[in-house]
PDB file of N, CA and C in Angstrom:
ATOM      1  N   MET A   1       0.993  -0.901   0.016  1.00  0.00           N
ATOM      2  CA  MET A   1       0.138   0.249   0.163  1.00  0.00           C
ATOM      3  C   MET A   1       0.945   1.218   0.152  1.00  0.00           C
ATOM      4  N   GLU A   2       1.789   1.386   0.897  1.00  0.00           N
ATOM      5  CA  GLU A   2       3.053   2.361   0.709  1.00  0.00           C
ATOM      6  C   GLU A   2       3.307   2.939  -0.285  1.00  0.00           C
ATOM      7  N   TYR A   3       3.626   1.216  -1.210  1.00  0.00           N
ATOM      8  CA  TYR A   3       4.234   1.912  -2.374  1.00  0.00           C
ATOM      9  C   TYR A   3       3.165   2.959  -3.438  1.00  0.00           C
ATOM     10  N   SER A   4       2.224   1.845  -3.533  1.00  0.00           N
ATOM     11  CA  SER A   4       1.253   2.450  -4.408  1.00  0.00           C
ATOM     12  C   SER A   4       0.801   4.209  -3.855  1.00  0.00           C
ATOM     13  N   LEU A   5       1.023   4.361  -2.779  1.00  0.00           N
ATOM     14  CA  LEU A   5       0.423   5.838  -2.363  1.00  0.00           C
ATOM     15  C   LEU A   5       1.603   6.708  -3.118  1.00  0.00           C
ATOM     16  N   PHE A   6       2.817   6.318  -2.716  1.00  0.00           N
ATOM     17  CA  PHE A   6       3.903   7.174  -3.412  1.00  0.00           C
ATOM     18  C   PHE A   6       4.367   7.687  -4.823  1.00  0.00           C
ATOM     19  N   GLU A   7       4.069   6.010  -5.225  1.00  0.00           N
ATOM     20  CA  GLU A   7       3.607   6.359  -6.828  1.00  0.00           C
ATOM     21  C   GLU A   7       2.974   7.000  -7.417  1.00  0.00           C
ATOM     22  N   ARG A   8       1.708   7.326  -6.354  1.00  0.00           N
ATOM     23  CA  ARG A   8       0.360   8.271  -7.268  1.00  0.00           C
ATOM     24  C   ARG A   8       1.160   9.246  -6.860  1.00  0.00           C
ATOM     25  N   LEU A   9       1.367   9.671  -5.688  1.00  0.00           N
ATOM     26  CA  LEU A   9       2.051  11.149  -5.592  1.00  0.00           C
ATOM     27  C   LEU A   9       3.041  11.738  -6.093  1.00  0.00           C
ATOM     28  N   ARG A  10       4.329  10.755  -6.516  1.00  0.00           N
ATOM     29  CA  ARG A  10       4.947  11.317  -7.729  1.00  0.00           C
ATOM     30  C   ARG A  10       4.360  11.343  -9.099  1.00  0.00           C
ATOM     31  N   SER A  11       3.351  10.835  -9.397  1.00  0.00           N
ATOM     32  CA  SER A  11       2.814  10.968 -10.688  1.00  0.00           C
ATOM     33  C   SER A  11       2.083  12.263 -10.188  1.00  0.00           C
ATOM     34  N   LEU A  12       1.656  12.825  -9.815  1.00  0.00           N
ATOM     35  CA  LEU A  12       0.725  13.756  -9.464  1.00  0.00           C
ATOM     36  C   LEU A  12       1.700  14.664  -9.498  1.00  0.00           C
ATOM     37  N   SER A  13       2.482  14.712  -8.540  1.00  0.00           N
ATOM     38  CA  SER A  13       3.447  15.937  -8.787  1.00  0.00           C
ATOM     39  C   SER A  13       4.242  16.067  -9.844  1.00  0.00           C
ATOM     40  N   SER A  14       4.374  15.145 -10.520  1.00  0.00           N
ATOM     41  CA  SER A  14       5.360  15.111 -12.108  1.00  0.00           C
ATOM     42  C   SER A  14       4.244  15.805 -13.137  1.00  0.00           C
ATOM     43  N   ILE A  15       2.751  15.578 -12.679  1.00  0.00           N
ATOM     44  CA  ILE A  15       1.982  16.209 -13.673  1.00  0.00           C
ATOM     45  C   ILE A  15       1.318  17.100 -13.491  1.00  0.00           C
ATOM     46  N   HIS A  16       1.567  17.856 -12.332  1.00  0.00           N
ATOM     47  CA  HIS A  16       1.529  19.159 -12.201  1.00  0.00           C
ATOM     48  C   HIS A  16       2.455  20.268 -11.635  1.00  0.00           C
ATOM     49  N   GLY A  17       3.942  19.648 -12.020  1.00  0.00           N
ATOM     50  CA  GLY A  17       4.757  20.239 -12.154  1.00  0.00           C
ATOM     51  C   GLY A  17       5.462  20.882 -10.727  1.00  0.00           C
ATOM     52  N   LYS A  18       5.006  19.942  -9.380  1.00  0.00           N
ATOM     53  CA  LYS A  18       4.885  20.551  -8.209  1.00  0.00           C
ATOM     54  C   LYS A  18       6.206  19.454  -7.561  1.00  0.00           C
ATOM     55  N   THR A  19       6.752  20.525  -6.631  1.00  0.00           N
ATOM     56  CA  THR A  19       7.760  19.557  -5.585  1.00  0.00           C
ATOM     57  C   THR A  19       7.171  18.682  -4.105  1.00  0.00           C
ATOM     58  N   LEU A  20       7.463  17.783  -3.832  1.00  0.00           N
ATOM     59  CA  LEU A  20       6.720  17.165  -2.695  1.00  0.00           C
ATOM     60  C   LEU A  20       7.912  17.072  -1.818  1.00  0.00           C
ATOM     61  N   ILE A  21       7.351  17.293  -0.284  1.00  0.00           N
ATOM     62  CA  ILE A  21       8.239  17.047   0.636  1.00  0.00           C
ATOM     63  C   ILE A  21       7.821  15.771   1.639  1.00  0.00           C
ATOM     64  N   TYR A  22       8.741  15.140   1.679  1.00  0.00           N
ATOM     65  CA  TYR A  22       8.351  13.809   2.871  1.00  0.00           C
ATOM     66  C   TYR A  22       9.030  14.113   3.964  1.00  0.00           C
ATOM     67  N   VAL A  23       8.275  13.698   5.202  1.00  0.00           N
ATOM     68  CA  VAL A  23       8.861  13.533   6.352  1.00  0.00           C
ATOM     69  C   VAL A  23       8.843  11.911   6.706  1.00  0.00           C
ATOM     70  N   THR A  24       9.876  11.014   6.794  1.00  0.00           N
ATOM     71  CA  THR A  24      10.310   9.775   7.312  1.00  0.00           C
ATOM     72  C   THR A  24      11.113   9.738   8.340  1.00  0.00           C
ATOM     73  N   HIS A  25      10.590   8.431   9.147  1.00  0.00           N
ATOM     74  CA  HIS A  25      11.717   7.798   9.768  1.00  0.00           C
ATOM     75  C   HIS A  25      12.208   6.437   9.439  1.00  0.00           C
ATOM     76  N   ARG A  26      11.395   6.249   8.307  1.00  0.00           N
ATOM     77  CA  ARG A  26      11.324   4.829   7.604  1.00  0.00           C
ATOM     78  C   ARG A  26      11.966   4.778   6.978  1.00  0.00           C
ATOM     79  N   PHE A  27      13.294   3.755   6.174  1.00  0.00           N
ATOM     80  CA  PHE A  27      13.683   3.552   5.417  1.00  0.00           C
ATOM     81  C   PHE A  27      13.296   2.653   4.276  1.00  0.00           C
ATOM     82  N   GLY A  28      13.253   2.905   3.274  1.00  0.00           N
ATOM     83  CA  GLY A  28      12.309   1.523   2.346  1.00  0.00           C
ATOM     84  C   GLY A  28      12.638   2.386   0.831  1.00  0.00           C
ATOM     85  N   TYR A  29      11.235   2.311   0.498  1.00  0.00           N
ATOM     86  CA  TYR A  29      10.873   2.655  -0.880  1.00  0.00           C
ATOM     87  C   TYR A  29      10.957   4.318  -1.232  1.00  0.00           C
ATOM     88  N   LEU A  30      10.756   4.873  -0.578  1.00  0.00           N
ATOM     89  CA  LEU A  30      11.010   6.230  -0.183  1.00  0.00           C
ATOM     90  C   LEU A  30      11.950   7.164  -0.412  1.00  0.00           C
ATOM     91  N   THR A  31      13.132   6.622   0.752  1.00  0.00           N
ATOM     92  CA  THR A  31      14.173   6.761   0.477  1.00  0.00           C
ATOM     93  C   THR A  31      15.593   6.742  -0.654  1.00  0.00           C
ATOM     94  N   LYS A  32      14.769   5.048  -1.316  1.00  0.00           N
ATOM     95  CA  LYS A  32      15.258   4.735  -2.588  1.00  0.00           C
ATOM     96  C   LYS A  32      15.309   5.545  -3.749  1.00  0.00           C
ATOM     97  N   ARG A  33      14.115   6.473  -3.456  1.00  0.00           N
ATOM     98  CA  ARG A  33      13.331   7.485  -4.734  1.00  0.00           C
ATOM     99  C   ARG A  33      13.633   8.576  -4.900  1.00  0.00           C
ATOM    100  N   ALA A  34      14.293   9.129  -3.325  1.00  0.00           N
ATOM    101  CA  ALA A  34      13.989  10.629  -3.138  1.00  0.00           C
ATOM    102  C   ALA A  34      15.459  10.838  -4.036  1.00  0.00           C
ATOM    103  N   ASP A  35      15.191  12.471  -4.340  1.00  0.00           N
ATOM    104  CA  ASP A  35      16.269  13.333  -5.229  1.00  0.00           C
ATOM    105  C   ASP A  35      17.356  14.131  -4.308  1.00  0.00           C
ATOM    106  N   ARG A  36      16.779  13.953  -3.140  1.00  0.00           N
ATOM    107  CA  ARG A  36      17.688  14.569  -2.199  1.00  0.00           C
ATOM    108  C   ARG A  36      17.034  14.086  -0.400  1.00  0.00           C
ATOM    109  N   ILE A  37      17.879  13.712   0.427  1.00  0.00           N
ATOM    110  CA  ILE A  37      17.741  13.337   1.648  1.00  0.00           C
ATOM    111  C   ILE A  37      18.723  13.978   2.204  1.00  0.00           C
ATOM    112  N   PRO A  38      17.698  14.959   3.246  1.00  0.00           N
ATOM    113  CA  PRO A  38      18.641  15.543   4.535  1.00  0.00           C
ATOM    114  C   PRO A  38      18.449  14.389   5.406  1.00  0.00           C
ATOM    115  N   SER A  39      19.694  14.474   6.493  1.00  0.00           N
ATOM    116  CA  SER A  39      19.805  13.406   7.523  1.00  0.00           C
ATOM    117  C   SER A  39      19.853  14.540   8.644  1.00  0.00           C
ATOM    118  N   MET A  40      19.081  14.217   9.641  1.00  0.00           N
ATOM    119  CA  MET A  40      19.323  15.456  10.863  1.00  0.00           C
ATOM    120  C   MET A  40      19.639  14.411  12.487  1.00  0.00           C
ATOM    121  N   ARG A  41      19.850  15.201  13.004  1.00  0.00           N
ATOM    122  CA  ARG A  41      20.464  14.616  14.274  1.00  0.00           C
ATOM    123  C   ARG A  41      20.247  15.892  15.437  1.00  0.00           C
ATOM    124  N   GLU A  42      19.429  15.709  16.359  1.00  0.00           N
ATOM    125  CA  GLU A  42      19.126  16.728  16.891  1.00  0.00           C
ATOM    126  C   GLU A  42      19.142  18.199  16.727  1.00  0.00           C
ATOM    127  N   GLY A  43      18.158  17.769  15.706  1.00  0.00           N
ATOM    128  CA  GLY A  43      17.669  19.686  14.529  1.00  0.00           C
ATOM    129  C   GLY A  43      18.672  19.752  13.758  1.00  0.00           C
ATOM    130  N   GLN A  44      19.945  19.163  13.620  1.00  0.00           N
ATOM    131  CA  GLN A  44      20.965  19.773  12.893  1.00  0.00           C
ATOM    132  C   GLN A  44      20.772  18.960  11.557  1.00  0.00           C
ATOM    133  N   LEU A  45      21.570  19.442  10.666  1.00  0.00           N
ATOM    134  CA  LEU A  45      21.478  19.054   9.564  1.00  0.00           C
ATOM    135  C   LEU A  45      22.890  18.465   9.578  1.00  0.00           C
ATOM    136  N   VAL A  46      23.220  16.967   9.501  1.00  0.00           N
ATOM    137  CA  VAL A  46      24.772  16.394   9.388  1.00  0.00           C
ATOM    138  C   VAL A  46      24.799  15.926   8.182  1.00  0.00           C
ATOM    139  N   GLU A  47      23.930  15.045   6.989  1.00  0.00           N
ATOM    140  CA  GLU A  47      24.518  14.663   5.775  1.00  0.00           C
ATOM    141  C   GLU A  47      23.058  15.077   4.611  1.00  0.00           C
ATOM    142  N   GLN A  48      23.398  14.958   4.007  1.00  0.00           N
ATOM    143  CA  GLN A  48      22.478  14.924   2.548  1.00  0.00           C
ATOM    144  C   GLN A  48      22.794  14.566   1.462  1.00  0.00           C
ATOM    145  N   GLY A  49      22.114  13.928   0.538  1.00  0.00           N
ATOM    146  CA  GLY A  49      22.504  13.468  -0.626  1.00  0.00           C
ATOM    147  C   GLY A  49      21.396  12.597  -1.190  1.00  0.00           C
ATOM    148  N   ARG A  50      21.563  11.874  -2.030  1.00  0.00           N
ATOM    149  CA  ARG A  50      21.153  10.642  -2.510  1.00  0.00           C
ATOM    150  C   ARG A  50      20.889   9.313  -1.743  1.00  0.00           C
ATOM    151  N   HIS A  51      20.228   8.500  -1.713  1.00  0.00           N
ATOM    152  CA  HIS A  51      20.653   7.246  -1.302  1.00  0.00           C
ATOM    153  C   HIS A  51      21.501   6.798  -1.150  1.00  0.00           C
ATOM    154  N   ASN A  52      22.257   6.460  -2.374  1.00  0.00           N
ATOM    155  CA  ASN A  52      23.159   5.700  -2.624  1.00  0.00           C
ATOM    156  C   ASN A  52      24.883   6.388  -2.061  1.00  0.00           C
ATOM    157  N   ASP A  53      24.391   7.457  -2.477  1.00  0.00           N
ATOM    158  CA  ASP A  53      25.458   8.445  -2.096  1.00  0.00           C
ATOM    159  C   ASP A  53      26.064   8.540  -0.785  1.00  0.00           C
ATOM    160  N   LEU A  54      24.384   8.207   0.373  1.00  0.00           N
ATOM    161  CA  LEU A  54      24.483   8.622   1.780  1.00  0.00           C
ATOM    162  C   LEU A  54      25.220   6.949   2.115  1.00  0.00           C
ATOM    163  N   LEU A  55      25.250   6.092   1.655  1.00  0.00           N
ATOM    164  CA  LEU A  55      25.171   5.140   1.988  1.00  0.00           C
ATOM    165  C   LEU A  55      26.801   5.005   2.005  1.00  0.00           C
ATOM    166  N   LYS A  56      27.666   5.143   0.839  1.00  0.00           N
ATOM    167  CA  LYS A  56      28.690   5.028   0.580  1.00  0.00           C
ATOM    168  C   LYS A  56      29.335   6.223   1.484  1.00  0.00           C
ATOM    169  N   LEU A  57      29.133   6.994   2.159  1.00  0.00           N
ATOM    170  CA  LEU A  57      29.786   7.796   2.739  1.00  0.00           C
ATOM    171  C   LEU A  57      29.748   7.224   4.059  1.00  0.00           C
ATOM    172  N   ASN A  58      29.051   6.453   4.652  1.00  0.00           N
ATOM    173  CA  ASN A  58      29.033   5.583   5.520  1.00  0.00           C
ATOM    174  C   ASN A  58      28.896   5.982   7.332  1.00  0.00           C
ATOM    175  N   GLY A  59      28.327   7.240   6.756  1.00  0.00           N
ATOM    176  CA  GLY A  59      27.648   8.399   8.346  1.00  0.00           C
ATOM    177  C   GLY A  59      26.712   8.016   8.970  1.00  0.00           C
ATOM    178  N   LYS A  60      25.830   8.917   9.762  1.00  0.00           N
ATOM    179  CA  LYS A  60      24.871   8.660  10.547  1.00  0.00           C
ATOM    180  C   LYS A  60      23.732   8.042   9.563  1.00  0.00           C
ATOM    181  N   TYR A  61      23.713   8.404   8.199  1.00  0.00           N
ATOM    182  CA  TYR A  61      22.362   7.763   7.774  1.00  0.00           C
ATOM    183  C   TYR A  61      22.687   6.279   7.625  1.00  0.00           C
ATOM    184  N   ALA A  62      23.271   6.097   7.318  1.00  0.00           N
ATOM    185  CA  ALA A  62      24.135   4.669   6.581  1.00  0.00           C
ATOM    186  C   ALA A  62      23.827   3.795   7.920  1.00  0.00           C
ATOM    187  N   ASN A  63      24.311   4.168   9.222  1.00  0.00           N
ATOM    188  CA  ASN A  63      24.408   3.761  10.626  1.00  0.00           C
ATOM    189  C   ASN A  63      22.890   3.255  10.402  1.00  0.00           C
ATOM    190  N   LEU A  64      21.825   4.140  10.471  1.00  0.00           N
ATOM    191  CA  LEU A  64      20.546   4.142  10.414  1.00  0.00           C
ATOM    192  C   LEU A  64      19.961   2.780   9.710  1.00  0.00           C
ATOM    193  N   TYR A  65      20.260   3.203   8.421  1.00  0.00           N
ATOM    194  CA  TYR A  65      19.713   2.263   7.399  1.00  0.00           C
ATOM    195  C   TYR A  65      20.050   1.017   7.961  1.00  0.00           C
ATOM    196  N   LYS A  66      21.435   0.779   8.202  1.00  0.00           N
ATOM    197  CA  LYS A  66      22.049  -0.946   8.392  1.00  0.00           C
ATOM    198  C   LYS A  66      21.541  -1.039   9.693  1.00  0.00           C
ATOM    199  N   LEU A  67      21.151  -0.188  10.530  1.00  0.00           N
ATOM    200  CA  LEU A  67      20.587  -1.066  11.962  1.00  0.00           C
ATOM    201  C   LEU A  67      18.682  -1.187  11.325  1.00  0.00           C
ATOM    202  N   GLN A  68      18.332  -0.351  10.785  1.00  0.00           N
ATOM    203  CA  GLN A  68      16.787  -1.025  10.461  1.00  0.00           C
ATOM    204  C   GLN A  68      16.778  -2.207   9.374  1.00  0.00           C
ATOM    205  N   ALA A  69      17.637  -2.341   8.776  1.00  0.00           N
ATOM    206  CA  ALA A  69      17.634  -3.291   8.089  1.00  0.00           C
ATOM    207  C   ALA A  69      17.805  -4.853   8.547  1.00  0.00           C
ATOM    208  N   GLU A  70      18.739  -4.528   9.460  1.00  0.00           N
ATOM    209  CA  GLU A  70      18.601  -5.612  10.326  1.00  0.00           C
ATOM    210  C   GLU A  70      17.808  -6.206  11.275  1.00  0.00           C
ATOM    211  N   ALA A  71      16.726  -4.957  11.728  1.00  0.00           N
ATOM    212  CA  ALA A  71      15.721  -5.912  12.811  1.00  0.00           C
ATOM    213  C   ALA A  71      15.210  -6.265  11.717  1.00  0.00           C
ATOM    214  N   PHE A  72      14.974  -5.918  10.141  1.00  0.00           N
ATOM    215  CA  PHE A  72      13.974  -6.936   9.754  1.00  0.00           C
ATOM    216  C   PHE A  72      14.682  -8.266   9.305  1.00  0.00           C
ATOM    217  N   MET A  73      15.936  -8.324   9.949  1.00  0.00           N
ATOM    218  CA  MET A  73      16.541  -9.573   9.521  1.00  0.00           C
ATOM    219  C   MET A  73      16.221 -10.728  10.260  1.00  0.00           C
ATOM    220  N   LEU A  74      15.733 -10.046  11.799  1.00  0.00           N
ATOM    221  CA  LEU A  74      15.663 -11.021  12.863  1.00  0.00           C
ATOM    222  C   LEU A  74      14.610 -11.996  12.279  1.00  0.00           C
ATOM    223  N   ASP A  75      14.519 -13.062  13.199  1.00  0.00           N
ATOM    224  CA  ASP A  75      13.123 -14.102  13.120  1.00  0.00           C
ATOM    225  C   ASP A  75      12.409 -13.670  14.123  1.00  0.00           C
TER     226      ASP A  75
END
């Protein structure tokens, strides 16, 4: 359901030439498709970029992403 919602919103934003800003604490479909991800900690911007670029930095974003991915791998 989340995937179809984001795809619909993305389609509408493209049709109408609008920019969408999402706020989420979950990594997944949305973060992998975003043009720019600001990674914040305690109200401060610590990193920003595309998903793959942030993973390559191996900083706060990458650590949180790995932590969440590991949680889904647990039985």
